[in-house]
Amino acid sequence: MPTAHSHHRQHLRAIACALIGFACWVTADSFMKLAGASAVPKYELVAVGGGSGMATIFILTFLRRRMDLFRTPHRLRFAMMAFCSAAGFLLYMTAVPLMPLANFYVIVFLMPLLLAILSTLFLREPLSLKQWLAILAGFLGVLIAVNPAGLFDRPDLWRADTAVAAGTLFIAVNVLNMRILGPTASREALAFYPRIGPFVGGLLAMLIWGAEAMPTRILVYALILGSIGGVGWMLVAQAYRLAPVGTVAPFQYSQILYGAVYGYFIWGDVPTWHVLVGGAIIIASGIYILRHAHRSAERKFDLPEIEAAP
């Protein structure tokens, strides 16, 4: 029977995994921005990134002699995750080079709002009036952040914003599946199988539309973004196994801090007041939804601790 002390330690481990995992994601996205600014076809970068992520996860699991962790009966659901991962990866790869990282993460932070809506549609989890108002506030925050009055002055910006929003919807579907599979699938499987989509999809695109010689520097960027992103997904999956969504998910907002720091020191990006105000509204509404869901779950269930995969 877990004690209050072990429960507290487990939550601290989850928070540590989440903070490091989200930092890995931002680092991978920074290399995505660097690689995506080149003339190399985006699908080629997606193939290399997906393949390096798969290789990293496979090697780490092989060295631990735990190849059994890749066994899963959830083939159809993982196939869906692979497709969504490929679509989200390609959309992000197309959009990130066109926008500051802080702007990118403001739109990505629609994730909790999209998850709440998807949970209502597919998991039959009802939303209260206050939660719907929080979702509307979050979308208002996005409108403020992207500054729609100036969108058509820079066509590349509104296209990038739309691509990021669509990519975030695909990734939200993956997170919903990760939430469903979390108690029965290993973190290795949750991180490995979705990367098959970008890898295979990118290879098929290369066969259809051709491939170009990739400069060494861009190849290194693509390999790093895949490897670090794969490690980040393993850490985040582990965090969700150790603690409830309401404990872990709010720490995803650390990405806007990491992204602002990376953007400033690498590209000289300074967030505008639109991004800061809109981001604050999105963060507040997202945290409210997550906390409300966490409290509702605690009232309905007395869940035992989930033992982490070794």
Protein backbone atom coordinates (compact mmCIF):
# COMPACT_ATOMS: atom_id res chain seq x y z
CA MET A 1 0.00 0.00 0.00
CA PRO A 2 1.64 3.28 -1.04
CA THR A 3 2.30 5.80 1.72
CA ALA A 4 1.79 9.56 1.52
CA HIS A 5 5.58 9.95 1.34
CA SER A 6 5.95 7.52 -1.60
CA HIS A 7 2.97 9.20 -3.32
CA HIS A 8 4.70 12.60 -2.94
CA ARG A 9 8.01 11.25 -4.24
CA GLN A 10 6.30 9.68 -7.23
CA HIS A 11 4.68 13.00 -8.12
CA LEU A 12 8.02 14.79 -7.79
CA ARG A 13 9.57 12.23 -10.16
CA ALA A 14 6.72 12.83 -12.59
CA ILE A 15 7.26 16.60 -12.48
CA ALA A 16 11.01 16.17 -13.03
CA CYS A 17 10.37 13.86 -16.02
CA ALA A 18 7.87 16.36 -17.42
CA LEU A 19 10.16 19.38 -17.10
CA ILE A 20 13.10 17.56 -18.73
CA GLY A 21 10.85 16.01 -21.38
CA PHE A 22 9.29 19.35 -22.34
CA ALA A 23 12.77 20.91 -22.46
CA CYS A 24 13.75 18.12 -24.88
CA TRP A 25 10.73 18.96 -27.03
CA VAL A 26 11.70 22.63 -27.24
CA THR A 27 15.31 21.71 -28.07
CA ALA A 28 14.04 19.38 -30.83
CA ASP A 29 11.73 22.12 -32.14
CA SER A 30 14.67 24.54 -32.25
CA PHE A 31 16.62 22.12 -34.42
CA MET A 32 13.45 21.66 -36.49
CA LYS A 33 13.37 25.40 -37.07
CA LEU A 34 17.05 25.39 -38.08
CA ALA A 35 16.65 22.40 -40.42
CA GLY A 36 13.34 23.58 -41.87
CA ALA A 37 14.83 26.90 -42.95
CA SER A 38 16.89 25.03 -45.57
CA ALA A 39 15.80 24.23 -49.12
CA VAL A 40 15.71 20.49 -48.35
CA PRO A 41 12.18 19.07 -48.92
CA LYS A 42 10.25 18.94 -45.66
CA TYR A 43 9.23 15.30 -46.14
CA GLU A 44 12.90 14.37 -46.37
CA LEU A 45 13.59 16.04 -43.02
CA VAL A 46 10.51 14.31 -41.55
CA ALA A 47 11.83 10.91 -42.68
CA VAL A 48 15.27 11.50 -41.13
CA GLY A 49 13.80 12.93 -37.93
CA GLY A 50 11.31 10.08 -37.52
CA GLY A 51 13.96 7.46 -38.26
CA SER A 52 16.48 8.91 -35.79
CA GLY A 53 13.80 9.05 -33.10
CA MET A 54 12.92 5.39 -33.67
CA ALA A 55 16.59 4.40 -33.63
CA THR A 56 17.26 6.25 -30.36
CA ILE A 57 14.31 4.65 -28.57
CA PHE A 58 15.18 1.20 -29.97
CA ILE A 59 18.84 1.45 -28.87
CA LEU A 60 17.97 2.65 -25.35
CA THR A 61 15.50 -0.21 -24.95
CA PHE A 62 17.90 -2.79 -26.43
CA LEU A 63 20.72 -1.75 -24.07
CA ARG A 64 18.37 -2.37 -21.14
CA ARG A 65 17.49 -5.79 -22.59
CA ARG A 66 13.79 -4.95 -22.46
CA MET A 67 12.69 -5.57 -26.03
CA ASP A 68 9.55 -7.14 -24.59
CA LEU A 69 8.32 -3.59 -23.90
CA PHE A 70 7.58 -3.17 -27.61
CA ARG A 71 4.98 -5.95 -27.57
CA THR A 72 1.47 -4.57 -27.75
CA PRO A 73 -2.04 -5.73 -28.71
CA HIS A 74 -3.04 -2.16 -29.63
CA ARG A 75 -1.91 -2.26 -33.28
CA LEU A 76 -4.85 -0.31 -34.73
CA ARG A 77 -4.61 2.49 -32.18
CA PHE A 78 -0.85 2.75 -32.67
CA ALA A 79 -1.41 2.88 -36.45
CA MET A 80 -3.70 5.85 -35.88
CA MET A 81 -1.02 7.48 -33.72
CA ALA A 82 1.58 6.89 -36.46
CA PHE A 83 -0.62 8.64 -39.03
CA CYS A 84 -1.33 11.59 -36.72
CA SER A 85 2.35 11.87 -35.83
CA ALA A 86 3.32 12.01 -39.52
CA ALA A 87 0.71 14.68 -40.27
CA GLY A 88 1.56 16.76 -37.20
CA PHE A 89 5.32 16.47 -37.80
CA LEU A 90 5.00 17.61 -41.43
CA LEU A 91 2.74 20.55 -40.55
CA TYR A 92 5.08 21.68 -37.77
CA MET A 93 8.14 21.27 -40.00
CA THR A 94 6.45 23.50 -42.60
CA ALA A 95 5.36 26.21 -40.15
CA VAL A 96 8.10 26.51 -37.51
CA PRO A 97 10.76 28.08 -39.77
CA LEU A 98 8.30 30.90 -40.60
CA MET A 99 7.54 32.07 -37.06
CA PRO A 100 9.16 32.84 -33.69
CA LEU A 101 9.20 29.90 -31.26
CA ALA A 102 7.16 31.85 -28.68
CA ASN A 103 4.37 32.36 -31.22
CA PHE A 104 4.54 28.67 -32.12
CA TYR A 105 4.04 27.59 -28.50
CA VAL A 106 1.18 29.99 -27.90
CA ILE A 107 -0.80 28.12 -30.57
CA VAL A 108 0.47 24.71 -29.39
CA PHE A 109 -0.98 25.58 -25.97
CA LEU A 110 -4.41 25.07 -27.45
CA MET A 111 -3.67 21.43 -26.61
CA PRO A 112 -5.52 21.27 -23.23
CA LEU A 113 -8.55 22.98 -24.77
CA LEU A 114 -8.58 20.57 -27.73
CA LEU A 115 -8.10 17.61 -25.37
CA ALA A 116 -11.10 18.72 -23.30
CA ILE A 117 -13.27 18.87 -26.44
CA LEU A 118 -11.97 15.52 -27.77
CA SER A 119 -12.54 13.89 -24.38
CA THR A 120 -16.14 15.08 -24.46
CA LEU A 121 -16.69 13.78 -28.00
CA PHE A 122 -14.92 10.41 -27.73
CA LEU A 123 -14.68 9.57 -24.02
CA ARG A 124 -18.07 11.00 -23.06
CA GLU A 125 -16.54 13.22 -20.38
CA PRO A 126 -19.00 16.10 -19.85
CA LEU A 127 -17.87 19.72 -19.66
CA SER A 128 -19.44 22.20 -17.29
CA LEU A 129 -20.50 25.70 -18.35
CA LYS A 130 -17.39 27.11 -16.65
CA GLN A 131 -15.16 24.76 -18.64
CA TRP A 132 -16.82 25.78 -21.92
CA LEU A 133 -16.29 29.43 -20.97
CA ALA A 134 -12.63 28.64 -20.26
CA ILE A 135 -12.33 27.04 -23.72
CA LEU A 136 -13.87 30.13 -25.34
CA ALA A 137 -11.44 32.29 -23.36
CA GLY A 138 -8.57 30.16 -24.66
CA PHE A 139 -9.61 30.70 -28.27
CA LEU A 140 -9.94 34.42 -27.54
CA GLY A 141 -6.35 34.29 -26.31
CA VAL A 142 -5.27 32.72 -29.61
CA LEU A 143 -7.01 35.49 -31.56
CA ILE A 144 -5.18 38.11 -29.50
CA ALA A 145 -1.85 36.30 -29.86
CA VAL A 146 -1.98 35.89 -33.65
CA ASN A 147 -3.28 39.45 -34.12
CA PRO A 148 -5.79 38.72 -36.92
CA ALA A 149 -5.95 42.39 -37.98
CA GLY A 150 -2.41 42.05 -39.32
CA LEU A 151 -2.61 38.50 -40.68
CA PHE A 152 -3.09 39.39 -44.34
CA ASP A 153 -0.17 41.81 -44.30
CA ARG A 154 2.05 38.72 -44.01
CA PRO A 155 0.41 35.76 -45.81
CA ASP A 156 3.17 33.42 -44.64
CA LEU A 157 2.24 34.11 -41.00
CA TRP A 158 -1.42 33.18 -41.23
CA ARG A 159 -0.53 30.09 -43.22
CA ALA A 160 2.01 29.14 -40.54
CA ASP A 161 -0.51 29.77 -37.74
CA THR A 162 -3.10 27.60 -39.52
CA ALA A 163 -0.56 24.81 -40.07
CA VAL A 164 0.46 24.85 -36.39
CA ALA A 165 -3.19 24.76 -35.25
CA ALA A 166 -3.89 21.78 -37.56
CA GLY A 167 -0.72 20.03 -36.41
CA THR A 168 -1.70 20.59 -32.79
CA LEU A 169 -5.06 18.92 -33.44
CA PHE A 170 -3.27 15.81 -34.77
CA ILE A 171 -0.91 15.77 -31.77
CA ALA A 172 -3.88 16.22 -29.40
CA VAL A 173 -5.39 13.04 -30.85
CA ASN A 174 -2.09 11.30 -30.07
CA VAL A 175 -2.05 12.59 -26.50
CA LEU A 176 -5.65 11.40 -26.08
CA ASN A 177 -4.57 7.94 -27.27
CA MET A 178 -1.56 8.07 -24.95
CA ARG A 179 -3.92 8.82 -22.09
CA ILE A 180 -6.09 5.82 -23.04
CA LEU A 181 -3.14 3.44 -23.52
CA GLY A 182 -1.03 4.75 -20.62
CA PRO A 183 -2.03 2.12 -18.03
CA THR A 184 -1.41 -0.82 -20.40
CA ALA A 185 1.34 0.28 -22.83
CA SER A 186 4.98 0.93 -22.00
CA ARG A 187 6.51 4.36 -22.42
CA GLU A 188 8.83 2.81 -25.02
CA ALA A 189 5.89 1.65 -27.16
CA LEU A 190 4.11 4.99 -26.75
CA ALA A 191 7.20 6.83 -28.02
CA PHE A 192 8.39 4.33 -30.67
CA TYR A 193 5.35 3.32 -32.72
CA PRO A 194 4.04 6.83 -33.54
CA ARG A 195 7.43 7.59 -35.15
CA ILE A 196 6.87 4.89 -37.73
CA GLY A 197 4.42 7.28 -39.43
CA PRO A 198 6.87 10.15 -40.11
CA PHE A 199 9.62 7.70 -41.11
CA VAL A 200 7.56 5.59 -43.54
CA GLY A 201 5.54 8.56 -44.80
CA GLY A 202 8.69 10.54 -45.49
CA LEU A 203 10.30 7.62 -47.31
CA LEU A 204 7.22 7.15 -49.51
CA ALA A 205 7.22 10.86 -50.34
CA MET A 206 10.90 10.63 -51.28
CA LEU A 207 10.13 7.72 -53.63
CA ILE A 208 7.28 9.65 -55.25
CA TRP A 209 8.70 13.19 -55.46
CA GLY A 210 12.40 12.46 -55.20
CA ALA A 211 15.11 13.30 -52.69
CA GLU A 212 17.86 15.88 -52.65
CA ALA A 213 21.39 15.67 -51.31
CA MET A 214 21.18 16.90 -47.72
CA PRO A 215 24.01 19.16 -46.49
CA THR A 216 25.89 17.68 -43.54
CA ARG A 217 24.80 20.47 -41.21
CA ILE A 218 21.10 19.97 -42.04
CA LEU A 219 21.46 16.20 -41.69
CA VAL A 220 22.93 16.66 -38.20
CA TYR A 221 20.05 18.99 -37.28
CA ALA A 222 17.48 16.44 -38.47
CA LEU A 223 19.17 13.58 -36.62
CA ILE A 224 19.35 15.60 -33.39
CA LEU A 225 15.74 16.78 -33.54
CA GLY A 226 14.52 13.20 -33.97
CA SER A 227 16.69 11.75 -31.21
CA ILE A 228 16.00 14.46 -28.63
CA GLY A 229 12.30 14.49 -29.51
CA GLY A 230 12.11 10.71 -29.02
CA VAL A 231 13.76 10.92 -25.60
CA GLY A 232 11.37 13.75 -24.70
CA TRP A 233 8.33 11.63 -25.60
CA MET A 234 9.62 8.78 -23.42
CA LEU A 235 10.07 11.14 -20.48
CA VAL A 236 6.63 12.73 -20.93
CA ALA A 237 4.99 9.30 -21.27
CA GLN A 238 6.73 8.24 -18.05
CA ALA A 239 5.49 11.38 -16.30
CA TYR A 240 1.89 10.58 -17.27
CA ARG A 241 2.35 7.05 -15.91
CA LEU A 242 3.62 8.34 -12.57
CA ALA A 243 1.02 11.04 -11.91
CA PRO A 244 -2.44 12.19 -13.08
CA VAL A 245 -2.90 14.46 -16.08
CA GLY A 246 -3.85 17.37 -13.82
CA THR A 247 -0.46 17.17 -12.09
CA VAL A 248 1.72 16.79 -15.17
CA ALA A 249 0.04 18.74 -17.98
CA PRO A 250 0.34 22.29 -16.53
CA PHE A 251 4.13 21.94 -16.67
CA GLN A 252 3.86 21.84 -20.46
CA TYR A 253 3.55 25.61 -20.24
CA SER A 254 7.24 25.70 -19.32
CA GLN A 255 7.77 25.35 -23.08
CA ILE A 256 6.83 28.98 -23.66
CA LEU A 257 9.65 30.02 -21.32
CA TYR A 258 12.14 27.66 -22.94
CA GLY A 259 10.96 28.77 -26.40
CA ALA A 260 11.27 32.47 -25.56
CA VAL A 261 14.82 31.96 -24.24
CA TYR A 262 15.91 29.88 -27.26
CA GLY A 263 14.22 32.30 -29.66
CA TYR A 264 15.89 35.33 -28.13
CA PHE A 265 19.43 33.95 -27.94
CA ILE A 266 19.44 32.05 -31.27
CA TRP A 267 17.22 34.18 -33.54
CA GLY A 268 16.88 37.44 -31.62
CA ASP A 269 13.08 37.04 -31.37
CA VAL A 270 11.31 39.32 -28.88
CA PRO A 271 7.67 38.37 -28.10
CA THR A 272 5.14 41.10 -28.92
CA TRP A 273 2.51 42.24 -26.42
CA HIS A 274 -0.08 40.34 -28.49
CA VAL A 275 1.79 37.09 -27.86
CA LEU A 276 2.30 37.80 -24.15
CA VAL A 277 -1.32 38.77 -23.42
CA GLY A 278 -2.81 36.03 -25.59
CA GLY A 279 -0.41 33.46 -24.14
CA ALA A 280 -1.35 34.44 -20.57
CA ILE A 281 -5.07 33.97 -21.35
CA ILE A 282 -4.45 30.57 -23.01
CA ILE A 283 -2.31 29.38 -20.10
CA ALA A 284 -4.88 30.49 -17.50
CA SER A 285 -7.77 28.80 -19.32
CA GLY A 286 -5.76 25.62 -19.92
CA ILE A 287 -4.69 25.31 -16.28
CA TYR A 288 -8.30 25.88 -15.15
CA ILE A 289 -9.56 23.07 -17.39
CA LEU A 290 -6.81 20.68 -16.29
CA ARG A 291 -7.28 21.39 -12.59
CA HIS A 292 -11.06 21.08 -12.86
CA ALA A 293 -10.69 17.70 -14.61
CA HIS A 294 -8.23 16.54 -11.95
CA ARG A 295 -10.57 17.50 -9.08
CA SER A 296 -13.52 15.80 -10.80
CA ALA A 297 -11.53 12.59 -11.20
CA GLU A 298 -10.51 12.64 -7.53
CA ARG A 299 -14.13 13.04 -6.45
CA LYS A 300 -15.33 10.14 -8.63
CA PHE A 301 -12.55 7.62 -8.15
CA ASP A 302 -10.04 6.47 -5.59
CA LEU A 303 -7.40 5.30 -8.03
CA PRO A 304 -4.43 3.19 -6.91
CA GLU A 305 -0.96 4.29 -7.85
CA ILE A 306 0.16 3.13 -11.32
CA GLU A 307 3.44 1.34 -11.12
CA ALA A 308 5.86 2.75 -13.68
CA ALA A 309 7.26 0.52 -16.37
CA PRO A 310 10.77 -0.58 -15.38
